[in-house]
Amino acid sequence: MRNLTMLGVLLVVLGVAGIAFDHFSYTETKPLINAGPIQVNTQEQHNFSIPLAGSIVVLIAGVVLIIAGRKST
């Protein structure tokens, strides 16, 4: 079952990335007023956090899938 192993590797990578980058933020620019040559923009900062427990669960699921994929071949 090569597909299980590949899915397991993907989940391990996502789990490690979730642990390493537990939160990130980005800024979105939205137009507030657009009246001819006059433009007023506003910037909103959005924060997104990834729960540590979720990252660990994804990591463990990936390891289990890698083991299951290796045993079935």
N, C-alpha and C. Protein backbone atom coordinates (compact mmCIF):
# COMPACT_ATOMS: atom_id res chain seq x y z
N MET A 1 0.82 -1.19 0.00
CA MET A 1 0.00 0.00 0.00
C MET A 1 0.87 1.25 0.00
N ARG A 2 1.31 1.58 -1.15
CA ARG A 2 2.17 2.75 -1.30
C ARG A 2 1.41 4.04 -0.99
N ASN A 3 0.09 4.04 -1.26
CA ASN A 3 -0.70 5.24 -1.00
C ASN A 3 -0.77 5.56 0.48
N LEU A 4 -0.90 4.54 1.33
CA LEU A 4 -0.92 4.77 2.77
C LEU A 4 0.38 5.38 3.26
N THR A 5 1.49 4.89 2.74
CA THR A 5 2.80 5.41 3.15
C THR A 5 2.96 6.86 2.71
N MET A 6 2.53 7.16 1.50
CA MET A 6 2.64 8.55 1.01
C MET A 6 1.74 9.49 1.81
N LEU A 7 0.53 9.03 2.13
CA LEU A 7 -0.36 9.84 2.95
C LEU A 7 0.22 10.02 4.35
N GLY A 8 0.83 8.98 4.89
CA GLY A 8 1.46 9.07 6.20
C GLY A 8 2.60 10.07 6.22
N VAL A 9 3.42 10.05 5.17
CA VAL A 9 4.53 11.02 5.09
C VAL A 9 3.99 12.44 5.02
N LEU A 10 2.94 12.64 4.24
CA LEU A 10 2.32 13.97 4.14
C LEU A 10 1.79 14.43 5.50
N LEU A 11 1.15 13.54 6.24
CA LEU A 11 0.63 13.90 7.55
C LEU A 11 1.76 14.18 8.54
N VAL A 12 2.85 13.44 8.46
CA VAL A 12 3.99 13.71 9.34
C VAL A 12 4.57 15.10 9.05
N VAL A 13 4.70 15.42 7.77
CA VAL A 13 5.23 16.74 7.40
C VAL A 13 4.30 17.85 7.89
N LEU A 14 2.99 17.66 7.72
CA LEU A 14 2.04 18.67 8.19
C LEU A 14 2.04 18.78 9.71
N GLY A 15 2.18 17.66 10.41
CA GLY A 15 2.24 17.69 11.86
C GLY A 15 3.46 18.41 12.38
N VAL A 16 4.61 18.14 11.77
CA VAL A 16 5.85 18.83 12.18
C VAL A 16 5.75 20.32 11.87
N ALA A 17 5.18 20.66 10.70
CA ALA A 17 5.02 22.08 10.35
C ALA A 17 4.06 22.77 11.32
N GLY A 18 3.02 22.06 11.74
CA GLY A 18 2.09 22.64 12.71
C GLY A 18 2.73 22.87 14.06
N ILE A 19 3.65 22.01 14.44
CA ILE A 19 4.35 22.20 15.71
C ILE A 19 5.36 23.34 15.59
N ALA A 20 6.06 23.40 14.46
CA ALA A 20 7.10 24.42 14.29
C ALA A 20 6.49 25.81 14.12
N PHE A 21 5.42 25.91 13.37
CA PHE A 21 4.77 27.19 13.11
C PHE A 21 3.39 27.17 13.76
N ASP A 22 3.35 27.41 15.06
CA ASP A 22 2.10 27.28 15.79
C ASP A 22 1.11 28.41 15.52
N HIS A 23 1.58 29.52 15.00
CA HIS A 23 0.67 30.59 14.61
C HIS A 23 1.29 31.44 13.52
N PHE A 24 0.45 32.07 12.74
CA PHE A 24 0.93 33.00 11.75
C PHE A 24 -0.11 34.09 11.56
N SER A 25 0.32 35.20 11.02
CA SER A 25 -0.58 36.32 10.79
C SER A 25 -0.34 36.90 9.41
N TYR A 26 -1.36 37.50 8.88
CA TYR A 26 -1.24 38.16 7.59
C TYR A 26 -2.07 39.43 7.61
N THR A 27 -1.72 40.37 6.75
CA THR A 27 -2.40 41.66 6.67
C THR A 27 -3.17 41.73 5.37
N GLU A 28 -4.42 42.15 5.47
CA GLU A 28 -5.28 42.28 4.30
C GLU A 28 -5.61 43.76 4.12
N THR A 29 -5.42 44.27 2.92
CA THR A 29 -5.75 45.65 2.61
C THR A 29 -7.09 45.71 1.91
N LYS A 30 -8.01 46.51 2.47
CA LYS A 30 -9.34 46.65 1.89
C LYS A 30 -9.58 48.12 1.55
N PRO A 31 -10.22 48.38 0.41
CA PRO A 31 -10.55 49.77 0.10
C PRO A 31 -11.69 50.26 0.98
N LEU A 32 -11.52 51.46 1.53
CA LEU A 32 -12.55 52.05 2.39
C LEU A 32 -13.36 53.06 1.60
N ILE A 33 -12.65 53.95 0.91
CA ILE A 33 -13.29 54.95 0.05
C ILE A 33 -12.58 54.95 -1.28
N ASN A 34 -13.35 54.88 -2.36
CA ASN A 34 -12.79 54.94 -3.70
C ASN A 34 -13.63 55.93 -4.50
N ALA A 35 -13.29 57.22 -4.39
CA ALA A 35 -14.05 58.28 -5.04
C ALA A 35 -13.14 58.97 -6.06
N GLY A 36 -13.11 58.46 -7.27
CA GLY A 36 -12.27 59.05 -8.31
C GLY A 36 -10.80 58.92 -7.98
N PRO A 37 -10.11 60.08 -7.96
CA PRO A 37 -8.67 60.02 -7.68
C PRO A 37 -8.35 59.83 -6.19
N ILE A 38 -9.35 59.92 -5.34
CA ILE A 38 -9.12 59.78 -3.90
C ILE A 38 -9.40 58.34 -3.49
N GLN A 39 -8.40 57.73 -2.89
CA GLN A 39 -8.53 56.37 -2.39
C GLN A 39 -8.09 56.31 -0.95
N VAL A 40 -8.90 55.71 -0.12
CA VAL A 40 -8.55 55.49 1.27
C VAL A 40 -8.66 53.98 1.52
N ASN A 41 -7.57 53.40 1.99
CA ASN A 41 -7.53 51.97 2.26
C ASN A 41 -7.38 51.72 3.75
N THR A 42 -7.84 50.59 4.18
CA THR A 42 -7.66 50.18 5.56
C THR A 42 -6.97 48.82 5.56
N GLN A 43 -6.18 48.59 6.59
CA GLN A 43 -5.47 47.31 6.70
C GLN A 43 -5.98 46.57 7.93
N GLU A 44 -6.30 45.31 7.73
CA GLU A 44 -6.72 44.44 8.83
C GLU A 44 -5.68 43.35 9.01
N GLN A 45 -5.30 43.13 10.24
CA GLN A 45 -4.35 42.05 10.52
C GLN A 45 -5.13 40.86 11.06
N HIS A 46 -4.92 39.70 10.44
CA HIS A 46 -5.58 38.47 10.83
C HIS A 46 -4.56 37.53 11.46
N ASN A 47 -4.93 36.94 12.58
CA ASN A 47 -4.07 35.97 13.27
C ASN A 47 -4.73 34.60 13.20
N PHE A 48 -3.93 33.58 12.93
CA PHE A 48 -4.42 32.21 12.83
C PHE A 48 -3.48 31.34 13.64
N SER A 49 -4.04 30.60 14.59
CA SER A 49 -3.19 29.73 15.40
C SER A 49 -3.60 28.27 15.20
N ILE A 50 -2.61 27.41 15.24
CA ILE A 50 -2.81 25.98 15.07
C ILE A 50 -2.63 25.33 16.43
N PRO A 51 -3.64 24.61 16.92
CA PRO A 51 -3.52 23.99 18.24
C PRO A 51 -2.43 22.92 18.27
N LEU A 52 -1.67 22.91 19.34
CA LEU A 52 -0.59 21.94 19.50
C LEU A 52 -1.12 20.51 19.54
N ALA A 53 -2.23 20.31 20.20
CA ALA A 53 -2.80 18.96 20.30
C ALA A 53 -3.20 18.43 18.92
N GLY A 54 -3.74 19.29 18.07
CA GLY A 54 -4.10 18.88 16.72
C GLY A 54 -2.89 18.49 15.91
N SER A 55 -1.82 19.24 16.05
CA SER A 55 -0.58 18.93 15.33
C SER A 55 -0.01 17.59 15.77
N ILE A 56 -0.06 17.32 17.06
CA ILE A 56 0.46 16.06 17.58
C ILE A 56 -0.39 14.89 17.09
N VAL A 57 -1.72 15.07 17.06
CA VAL A 57 -2.61 14.01 16.58
C VAL A 57 -2.33 13.70 15.10
N VAL A 58 -2.13 14.75 14.29
CA VAL A 58 -1.83 14.56 12.87
C VAL A 58 -0.48 13.85 12.71
N LEU A 59 0.50 14.23 13.51
CA LEU A 59 1.81 13.60 13.46
C LEU A 59 1.73 12.10 13.81
N ILE A 60 1.01 11.78 14.87
CA ILE A 60 0.87 10.37 15.27
C ILE A 60 0.10 9.57 14.22
N ALA A 61 -0.94 10.17 13.66
CA ALA A 61 -1.71 9.49 12.61
C ALA A 61 -0.81 9.21 11.40
N GLY A 62 0.06 10.14 11.07
CA GLY A 62 0.99 9.92 9.96
C GLY A 62 1.94 8.78 10.22
N VAL A 63 2.46 8.70 11.44
CA VAL A 63 3.37 7.61 11.79
C VAL A 63 2.65 6.27 11.72
N VAL A 64 1.41 6.24 12.22
CA VAL A 64 0.63 5.00 12.17
C VAL A 64 0.38 4.58 10.73
N LEU A 65 0.06 5.52 9.85
CA LEU A 65 -0.17 5.18 8.44
C LEU A 65 1.11 4.70 7.76
N ILE A 66 2.24 5.28 8.11
CA ILE A 66 3.51 4.80 7.53
C ILE A 66 3.77 3.36 7.96
N ILE A 67 3.56 3.07 9.23
CA ILE A 67 3.76 1.70 9.73
C ILE A 67 2.78 0.74 9.08
N ALA A 68 1.53 1.13 8.95
CA ALA A 68 0.52 0.27 8.34
C ALA A 68 0.81 0.05 6.86
N GLY A 69 1.31 1.06 6.18
CA GLY A 69 1.65 0.92 4.77
C GLY A 69 2.84 0.01 4.56
N ARG A 70 3.78 0.03 5.46
CA ARG A 70 4.96 -0.85 5.33
C ARG A 70 4.63 -2.31 5.63
N LYS A 71 3.72 -2.52 6.61
CA LYS A 71 3.38 -3.89 6.99
C LYS A 71 2.51 -4.58 5.94
N SER A 72 1.74 -3.80 5.17
CA SER A 72 0.83 -4.42 4.22
C SER A 72 1.51 -4.80 2.90
N THR A 73 2.75 -4.39 2.69
CA THR A 73 3.44 -4.76 1.46
C THR A 73 4.30 -5.97 1.60
